[in-house]
Amino acid sequence: MKNIILIAFLAAAGGYWLLLSRPALYYPDSREYKCFTLRGRGELPSGTQLALDRALASISASEFFSPDTKFDIYLAGGPRGLSFFAPFVAGNYSRVSPISGGIFLAAARFDGDSILPSPEAAETRDLNKVIAAAAARKMAMDRVKPLTYIYMTDWEFAGYGEIISGGSGLFKPEDICGKEAPEGSALLEYKYGLAVALVLSEEKMSFANLLDKNFSYEGAERQLKQRYCGR
């Protein structure tokens, strides 16, 4: 009996790992557009060009981008799909799997260039910026050793995505001086973006160089508060 349970467990684990490493097996339908391959199950949404063109305009500013860069975008549909296909990383609107390298989107609405964390949610973000931030994260992930990303602190990747995407445009530097920004919030991502920009400016380095260094977020945060909060 124990052998049967073990075999069943190993078979399930093997099948899950196969889907994690090759999610296109679950998302068989695809459409290519410029450097993007959109993947889903069933009919893919129309009117995707606007959001993808806007995202590409942002991504093109990255030091890591080249005409040969490609992105696989999966329409996960909500938190359940995000958690299943990118279980080791955080993200309410999108996640980048360190196993497959795929970008997984929550409830994307291409026709309105917007995205929700779930179909029932109310807090929308600009879809093109979410895609651009995820693509920036993917390109930065490709610069580090395989699976090293899982053990790295997230502020550098989130901050770089904020810079490349242009952010939400809802905040100004003084907004970081109030209460603590909750995890996953647009304000925290904005704060990370300010921290990355500050370190790059002060140290006169590229983001690729920053990935090779051991800068602590606490040190960057202290500099931010000295500059913008007077403390």
C-alpha atoms as a PDB file:
ATOM      1  CA  MET A   1       0.000   0.000   0.000  1.00  0.00           C
ATOM      2  CA  LYS A   2       2.815   2.380   0.911  1.00  0.00           C
ATOM      3  CA  ASN A   3       4.507   1.666  -2.429  1.00  0.00           C
ATOM      4  CA  ILE A   4       1.310   2.465  -4.302  1.00  0.00           C
ATOM      5  CA  ILE A   5       0.946   5.771  -2.441  1.00  0.00           C
ATOM      6  CA  LEU A   6       4.589   6.635  -3.124  1.00  0.00           C
ATOM      7  CA  ILE A   7       4.274   5.818  -6.821  1.00  0.00           C
ATOM      8  CA  ALA A   8       1.088   7.908  -7.055  1.00  0.00           C
ATOM      9  CA  PHE A   9       2.790  10.797  -5.279  1.00  0.00           C
ATOM     10  CA  LEU A  10       5.845  10.663  -7.546  1.00  0.00           C
ATOM     11  CA  ALA A  11       3.621  10.468 -10.624  1.00  0.00           C
ATOM     12  CA  ALA A  12       1.615  13.500  -9.482  1.00  0.00           C
ATOM     13  CA  ALA A  13       4.786  15.423  -8.614  1.00  0.00           C
ATOM     14  CA  GLY A  14       6.314  14.541 -11.968  1.00  0.00           C
ATOM     15  CA  GLY A  15       3.200  15.656 -13.814  1.00  0.00           C
ATOM     16  CA  TYR A  16       3.100  18.922 -11.889  1.00  0.00           C
ATOM     17  CA  TRP A  17       6.763  19.619 -12.598  1.00  0.00           C
ATOM     18  CA  LEU A  18       6.146  18.937 -16.285  1.00  0.00           C
ATOM     19  CA  LEU A  19       3.375  21.556 -16.331  1.00  0.00           C
ATOM     20  CA  LEU A  20       5.539  24.038 -14.401  1.00  0.00           C
ATOM     21  CA  SER A  21       8.379  23.657 -16.875  1.00  0.00           C
ATOM     22  CA  ARG A  22       6.193  23.440 -19.996  1.00  0.00           C
ATOM     23  CA  PRO A  23       2.973  25.376 -19.317  1.00  0.00           C
ATOM     24  CA  ALA A  24       2.199  25.494 -23.034  1.00  0.00           C
ATOM     25  CA  LEU A  25       0.979  21.911 -22.610  1.00  0.00           C
ATOM     26  CA  TYR A  26      -1.947  23.325 -20.626  1.00  0.00           C
ATOM     27  CA  TYR A  27      -2.256  26.473 -22.763  1.00  0.00           C
ATOM     28  CA  PRO A  28      -2.223  24.994 -26.287  1.00  0.00           C
ATOM     29  CA  ASP A  29      -3.662  27.973 -28.166  1.00  0.00           C
ATOM     30  CA  SER A  30      -1.250  30.729 -29.140  1.00  0.00           C
ATOM     31  CA  ARG A  31      -0.828  33.862 -31.220  1.00  0.00           C
ATOM     32  CA  GLU A  32       2.439  35.617 -32.035  1.00  0.00           C
ATOM     33  CA  TYR A  33       2.736  39.396 -32.188  1.00  0.00           C
ATOM     34  CA  LYS A  34       6.139  41.021 -32.554  1.00  0.00           C
ATOM     35  CA  CYS A  35       8.267  39.781 -29.621  1.00  0.00           C
ATOM     36  CA  PHE A  36       5.273  38.342 -27.744  1.00  0.00           C
ATOM     37  CA  THR A  37       3.586  34.942 -27.876  1.00  0.00           C
ATOM     38  CA  LEU A  38       0.178  35.065 -26.237  1.00  0.00           C
ATOM     39  CA  ARG A  39      -0.966  31.700 -24.904  1.00  0.00           C
ATOM     40  CA  GLY A  40      -4.303  30.534 -23.530  1.00  0.00           C
ATOM     41  CA  ARG A  41      -6.988  27.879 -23.622  1.00  0.00           C
ATOM     42  CA  GLY A  42      -9.696  28.337 -26.199  1.00  0.00           C
ATOM     43  CA  GLU A  43     -10.295  31.501 -28.187  1.00  0.00           C
ATOM     44  CA  LEU A  44      -7.700  34.177 -27.500  1.00  0.00           C
ATOM     45  CA  PRO A  45      -8.849  37.775 -26.941  1.00  0.00           C
ATOM     46  CA  SER A  46      -8.950  40.211 -29.832  1.00  0.00           C
ATOM     47  CA  GLY A  47      -7.627  43.743 -29.763  1.00  0.00           C
ATOM     48  CA  THR A  48      -4.363  42.811 -28.098  1.00  0.00           C
ATOM     49  CA  GLN A  49      -2.153  45.068 -30.211  1.00  0.00           C
ATOM     50  CA  LEU A  50      -2.651  48.312 -28.265  1.00  0.00           C
ATOM     51  CA  ALA A  51      -1.532  46.963 -24.878  1.00  0.00           C
ATOM     52  CA  LEU A  52       1.323  44.948 -26.403  1.00  0.00           C
ATOM     53  CA  ASP A  53       2.586  47.889 -28.485  1.00  0.00           C
ATOM     54  CA  ARG A  54       2.571  50.139 -25.423  1.00  0.00           C
ATOM     55  CA  ALA A  55       4.372  47.483 -23.399  1.00  0.00           C
ATOM     56  CA  LEU A  56       6.966  47.018 -26.125  1.00  0.00           C
ATOM     57  CA  ALA A  57       7.645  50.756 -26.260  1.00  0.00           C
ATOM     58  CA  SER A  58       8.508  50.631 -22.547  1.00  0.00           C
ATOM     59  CA  ILE A  59      10.464  47.371 -22.692  1.00  0.00           C
ATOM     60  CA  SER A  60      12.616  48.676 -25.536  1.00  0.00           C
ATOM     61  CA  ALA A  61      14.227  51.151 -23.112  1.00  0.00           C
ATOM     62  CA  SER A  62      15.731  48.326 -21.057  1.00  0.00           C
ATOM     63  CA  GLU A  63      19.483  47.748 -21.252  1.00  0.00           C
ATOM     64  CA  PHE A  64      18.702  44.037 -21.570  1.00  0.00           C
ATOM     65  CA  PHE A  65      16.364  44.298 -24.562  1.00  0.00           C
ATOM     66  CA  SER A  66      17.362  43.264 -28.061  1.00  0.00           C
ATOM     67  CA  PRO A  67      15.342  42.619 -31.236  1.00  0.00           C
ATOM     68  CA  ASP A  68      15.724  38.890 -30.567  1.00  0.00           C
ATOM     69  CA  THR A  69      14.140  39.052 -27.097  1.00  0.00           C
ATOM     70  CA  LYS A  70      10.987  36.944 -26.821  1.00  0.00           C
ATOM     71  CA  PHE A  71       8.253  36.730 -24.186  1.00  0.00           C
ATOM     72  CA  ASP A  72       5.667  34.019 -23.554  1.00  0.00           C
ATOM     73  CA  ILE A  73       2.533  35.498 -21.987  1.00  0.00           C
ATOM     74  CA  TYR A  74       0.004  33.124 -20.429  1.00  0.00           C
ATOM     75  CA  LEU A  75      -3.582  34.113 -19.697  1.00  0.00           C
ATOM     76  CA  ALA A  76      -3.880  32.567 -16.227  1.00  0.00           C
ATOM     77  CA  GLY A  77      -7.148  34.376 -15.510  1.00  0.00           C
ATOM     78  CA  GLY A  78      -6.792  34.953 -11.769  1.00  0.00           C
ATOM     79  CA  PRO A  79      -5.029  34.037  -8.522  1.00  0.00           C
ATOM     80  CA  ARG A  80      -5.583  30.300  -8.868  1.00  0.00           C
ATOM     81  CA  GLY A  81      -3.760  30.150 -12.200  1.00  0.00           C
ATOM     82  CA  LEU A  82      -0.973  32.395 -10.936  1.00  0.00           C
ATOM     83  CA  SER A  83      -0.439  30.248  -7.849  1.00  0.00           C
ATOM     84  CA  PHE A  84      -0.502  26.990  -9.795  1.00  0.00           C
ATOM     85  CA  PHE A  85       1.951  27.921 -12.551  1.00  0.00           C
ATOM     86  CA  ALA A  86       4.211  30.302 -10.594  1.00  0.00           C
ATOM     87  CA  PRO A  87       3.951  28.988  -7.024  1.00  0.00           C
ATOM     88  CA  PHE A  88       7.288  30.159  -5.663  1.00  0.00           C
ATOM     89  CA  VAL A  89       6.949  33.875  -6.359  1.00  0.00           C
ATOM     90  CA  ALA A  90       4.632  36.724  -5.371  1.00  0.00           C
ATOM     91  CA  GLY A  91       2.354  38.851  -7.508  1.00  0.00           C
ATOM     92  CA  ASN A  92      -1.343  39.674  -7.627  1.00  0.00           C
ATOM     93  CA  TYR A  93      -1.591  40.969 -11.191  1.00  0.00           C
ATOM     94  CA  SER A  94       1.209  39.007 -12.822  1.00  0.00           C
ATOM     95  CA  ARG A  95       3.969  36.559 -12.021  1.00  0.00           C
ATOM     96  CA  VAL A  96       7.094  35.461 -13.839  1.00  0.00           C
ATOM     97  CA  SER A  97       7.897  31.792 -13.354  1.00  0.00           C
ATOM     98  CA  PRO A  98      11.571  31.147 -12.555  1.00  0.00           C
ATOM     99  CA  ILE A  99      11.065  27.626 -13.905  1.00  0.00           C
ATOM    100  CA  SER A 100       9.510  28.233 -17.334  1.00  0.00           C
ATOM    101  CA  GLY A 101      10.298  31.926 -17.717  1.00  0.00           C
ATOM    102  CA  GLY A 102       6.687  32.539 -18.695  1.00  0.00           C
ATOM    103  CA  ILE A 103       4.754  35.685 -17.802  1.00  0.00           C
ATOM    104  CA  PHE A 104       1.393  34.792 -16.239  1.00  0.00           C
ATOM    105  CA  LEU A 105      -1.369  37.389 -16.204  1.00  0.00           C
ATOM    106  CA  ALA A 106      -4.367  37.512 -13.881  1.00  0.00           C
ATOM    107  CA  ALA A 107      -7.670  38.796 -15.309  1.00  0.00           C
ATOM    108  CA  ALA A 108      -6.390  40.686 -18.360  1.00  0.00           C
ATOM    109  CA  ARG A 109      -8.730  42.866 -20.419  1.00  0.00           C
ATOM    110  CA  PHE A 110      -6.871  43.689 -23.598  1.00  0.00           C
ATOM    111  CA  ASP A 111      -9.688  45.653 -25.184  1.00  0.00           C
ATOM    112  CA  GLY A 112      -9.532  48.217 -22.365  1.00  0.00           C
ATOM    113  CA  ASP A 113      -5.802  47.868 -21.652  1.00  0.00           C
ATOM    114  CA  SER A 114      -6.571  46.979 -18.039  1.00  0.00           C
ATOM    115  CA  ILE A 115      -6.026  44.091 -15.657  1.00  0.00           C
ATOM    116  CA  LEU A 116      -7.569  42.900 -12.402  1.00  0.00           C
ATOM    117  CA  PRO A 117      -6.124  40.524  -9.795  1.00  0.00           C
ATOM    118  CA  SER A 118      -9.293  38.441 -10.241  1.00  0.00           C
ATOM    119  CA  PRO A 119     -12.431  38.745 -12.387  1.00  0.00           C
ATOM    120  CA  GLU A 120     -14.414  39.842  -9.303  1.00  0.00           C
ATOM    121  CA  ALA A 121     -11.919  42.461  -8.117  1.00  0.00           C
ATOM    122  CA  ALA A 122     -12.306  46.213  -8.536  1.00  0.00           C
ATOM    123  CA  GLU A 123      -8.726  47.538  -8.409  1.00  0.00           C
ATOM    124  CA  THR A 124      -7.528  47.804 -11.996  1.00  0.00           C
ATOM    125  CA  ARG A 125      -4.079  48.576 -13.325  1.00  0.00           C
ATOM    126  CA  ASP A 126      -2.870  49.428 -16.811  1.00  0.00           C
ATOM    127  CA  LEU A 127      -2.315  46.128 -18.565  1.00  0.00           C
ATOM    128  CA  ASN A 128       0.538  47.421 -20.728  1.00  0.00           C
ATOM    129  CA  LYS A 129       2.459  48.531 -17.638  1.00  0.00           C
ATOM    130  CA  VAL A 130       1.927  45.232 -15.855  1.00  0.00           C
ATOM    131  CA  ILE A 131       3.230  43.413 -18.937  1.00  0.00           C
ATOM    132  CA  ALA A 132       6.202  45.786 -19.239  1.00  0.00           C
ATOM    133  CA  ALA A 133       7.110  45.378 -15.555  1.00  0.00           C
ATOM    134  CA  ALA A 134       6.867  41.585 -15.823  1.00  0.00           C
ATOM    135  CA  ALA A 135       8.953  41.588 -19.004  1.00  0.00           C
ATOM    136  CA  ALA A 136      11.608  43.735 -17.298  1.00  0.00           C
ATOM    137  CA  ARG A 137      11.651  41.255 -14.425  1.00  0.00           C
ATOM    138  CA  LYS A 138      11.999  38.360 -16.898  1.00  0.00           C
ATOM    139  CA  MET A 139      14.960  40.004 -18.645  1.00  0.00           C
ATOM    140  CA  ALA A 140      16.638  40.720 -15.298  1.00  0.00           C
ATOM    141  CA  MET A 141      16.008  37.147 -14.128  1.00  0.00           C
ATOM    142  CA  ASP A 142      17.789  35.875 -17.207  1.00  0.00           C
ATOM    143  CA  ARG A 143      20.915  37.705 -16.028  1.00  0.00           C
ATOM    144  CA  VAL A 144      21.246  35.670 -12.828  1.00  0.00           C
ATOM    145  CA  LYS A 145      22.063  32.001 -12.356  1.00  0.00           C
ATOM    146  CA  PRO A 146      19.187  29.503 -12.776  1.00  0.00           C
ATOM    147  CA  LEU A 147      16.867  29.426  -9.752  1.00  0.00           C
ATOM    148  CA  THR A 148      19.090  31.953  -7.927  1.00  0.00           C
ATOM    149  CA  TYR A 149      16.243  34.401  -8.402  1.00  0.00           C
ATOM    150  CA  ILE A 150      14.078  32.503  -5.915  1.00  0.00           C
ATOM    151  CA  TYR A 151      16.503  33.286  -3.098  1.00  0.00           C
ATOM    152  CA  MET A 152      17.192  36.923  -4.009  1.00  0.00           C
ATOM    153  CA  THR A 153      15.433  39.859  -2.391  1.00  0.00           C
ATOM    154  CA  ASP A 154      12.638  41.189  -4.563  1.00  0.00           C
ATOM    155  CA  TRP A 155      13.070  44.969  -4.261  1.00  0.00           C
ATOM    156  CA  GLU A 156      15.606  45.213  -7.075  1.00  0.00           C
ATOM    157  CA  PHE A 157      13.461  43.296  -9.571  1.00  0.00           C
ATOM    158  CA  ALA A 158      10.238  45.065  -8.576  1.00  0.00           C
ATOM    159  CA  GLY A 159      11.982  48.435  -8.665  1.00  0.00           C
ATOM    160  CA  TYR A 160      13.448  47.786 -12.088  1.00  0.00           C
ATOM    161  CA  GLY A 161      10.028  46.759 -13.381  1.00  0.00           C
ATOM    162  CA  GLU A 162       8.585  49.979 -11.974  1.00  0.00           C
ATOM    163  CA  ILE A 163      11.227  52.053 -13.760  1.00  0.00           C
ATOM    164  CA  ILE A 164      10.862  50.316 -17.119  1.00  0.00           C
ATOM    165  CA  SER A 165       7.045  50.282 -17.064  1.00  0.00           C
ATOM    166  CA  GLY A 166       6.761  53.920 -15.987  1.00  0.00           C
ATOM    167  CA  GLY A 167       4.729  52.980 -12.916  1.00  0.00           C
ATOM    168  CA  SER A 168       1.185  53.927 -12.116  1.00  0.00           C
ATOM    169  CA  GLY A 169       1.782  57.679 -12.128  1.00  0.00           C
ATOM    170  CA  LEU A 170      -0.273  57.969  -8.940  1.00  0.00           C
ATOM    171  CA  PHE A 171       2.496  58.949  -6.534  1.00  0.00           C
ATOM    172  CA  LYS A 172       5.171  61.526  -5.850  1.00  0.00           C
ATOM    173  CA  PRO A 173       8.337  60.959  -3.766  1.00  0.00           C
ATOM    174  CA  GLU A 174       6.856  62.543  -0.627  1.00  0.00           C
ATOM    175  CA  ASP A 175       4.176  59.829  -0.545  1.00  0.00           C
ATOM    176  CA  ILE A 176       6.701  57.327   0.768  1.00  0.00           C
ATOM    177  CA  CYS A 177       7.058  59.331   3.985  1.00  0.00           C
ATOM    178  CA  GLY A 178       3.701  58.299   5.413  1.00  0.00           C
ATOM    179  CA  LYS A 179       2.603  54.918   6.675  1.00  0.00           C
ATOM    180  CA  GLU A 180       4.225  51.702   5.542  1.00  0.00           C
ATOM    181  CA  ALA A 181       3.146  50.505   2.100  1.00  0.00           C
ATOM    182  CA  PRO A 182       1.539  47.042   2.222  1.00  0.00           C
ATOM    183  CA  GLU A 183       2.998  44.133   0.291  1.00  0.00           C
ATOM    184  CA  GLY A 184       1.850  44.009  -3.327  1.00  0.00           C
ATOM    185  CA  SER A 185       0.673  47.625  -3.321  1.00  0.00           C
ATOM    186  CA  ALA A 186       1.405  50.102  -6.107  1.00  0.00           C
ATOM    187  CA  LEU A 187       2.950  52.429  -3.515  1.00  0.00           C
ATOM    188  CA  LEU A 188       5.476  49.794  -2.431  1.00  0.00           C
ATOM    189  CA  GLU A 189       6.435  49.139  -6.055  1.00  0.00           C
ATOM    190  CA  TYR A 190       6.844  52.895  -6.542  1.00  0.00           C
ATOM    191  CA  LYS A 191       9.076  52.992  -3.463  1.00  0.00           C
ATOM    192  CA  TYR A 192      11.190  50.141  -4.813  1.00  0.00           C
ATOM    193  CA  GLY A 193      11.506  52.013  -8.096  1.00  0.00           C
ATOM    194  CA  LEU A 194      12.758  55.124  -6.293  1.00  0.00           C
ATOM    195  CA  ALA A 195      15.241  52.984  -4.332  1.00  0.00           C
ATOM    196  CA  VAL A 196      16.667  51.346  -7.458  1.00  0.00           C
ATOM    197  CA  ALA A 197      16.897  54.679  -9.288  1.00  0.00           C
ATOM    198  CA  LEU A 198      18.642  56.261  -6.303  1.00  0.00           C
ATOM    199  CA  VAL A 199      21.232  53.492  -6.004  1.00  0.00           C
ATOM    200  CA  LEU A 200      21.944  53.530  -9.739  1.00  0.00           C
ATOM    201  CA  SER A 201      22.370  57.311  -9.657  1.00  0.00           C
ATOM    202  CA  GLU A 202      24.479  57.477  -6.504  1.00  0.00           C
ATOM    203  CA  GLU A 203      26.714  54.563  -7.437  1.00  0.00           C
ATOM    204  CA  LYS A 204      26.808  55.478 -11.147  1.00  0.00           C
ATOM    205  CA  MET A 205      26.162  51.938 -12.262  1.00  0.00           C
ATOM    206  CA  SER A 206      23.855  50.004 -14.557  1.00  0.00           C
ATOM    207  CA  PHE A 207      21.151  47.684 -13.295  1.00  0.00           C
ATOM    208  CA  ALA A 208      23.188  44.718 -14.521  1.00  0.00           C
ATOM    209  CA  ASN A 209      25.973  45.837 -12.155  1.00  0.00           C
ATOM    210  CA  LEU A 210      23.476  46.215  -9.309  1.00  0.00           C
ATOM    211  CA  LEU A 211      22.441  42.571  -9.676  1.00  0.00           C
ATOM    212  CA  ASP A 212      26.043  41.561  -9.031  1.00  0.00           C
ATOM    213  CA  LYS A 213      26.339  43.655  -5.879  1.00  0.00           C
ATOM    214  CA  ASN A 214      25.005  43.085  -2.392  1.00  0.00           C
ATOM    215  CA  PHE A 215      23.022  46.249  -1.728  1.00  0.00           C
ATOM    216  CA  SER A 216      20.548  46.015   1.106  1.00  0.00           C
ATOM    217  CA  TYR A 217      17.116  47.538   0.791  1.00  0.00           C
ATOM    218  CA  GLU A 218      17.411  48.922   4.313  1.00  0.00           C
ATOM    219  CA  GLY A 219      20.383  51.035   3.278  1.00  0.00           C
ATOM    220  CA  ALA A 220      18.593  52.276   0.159  1.00  0.00           C
ATOM    221  CA  GLU A 221      15.483  53.048   2.207  1.00  0.00           C
ATOM    222  CA  ARG A 222      17.510  55.155   4.651  1.00  0.00           C
ATOM    223  CA  GLN A 223      18.851  57.196   1.754  1.00  0.00           C
ATOM    224  CA  LEU A 224      15.336  57.636   0.384  1.00  0.00           C
ATOM    225  CA  LYS A 225      14.038  58.970   3.702  1.00  0.00           C
ATOM    226  CA  GLN A 226      16.986  61.339   4.042  1.00  0.00           C
ATOM    227  CA  ARG A 227      16.371  62.719   0.569  1.00  0.00           C
ATOM    228  CA  TYR A 228      12.589  62.949   0.485  1.00  0.00           C
ATOM    229  CA  CYS A 229      11.431  62.850   4.101  1.00  0.00           C
ATOM    230  CA  GLY A 230      14.077  64.915   5.876  1.00  0.00           C
ATOM    231  CA  ARG A 231      15.014  62.093   8.250  1.00  0.00           C
END
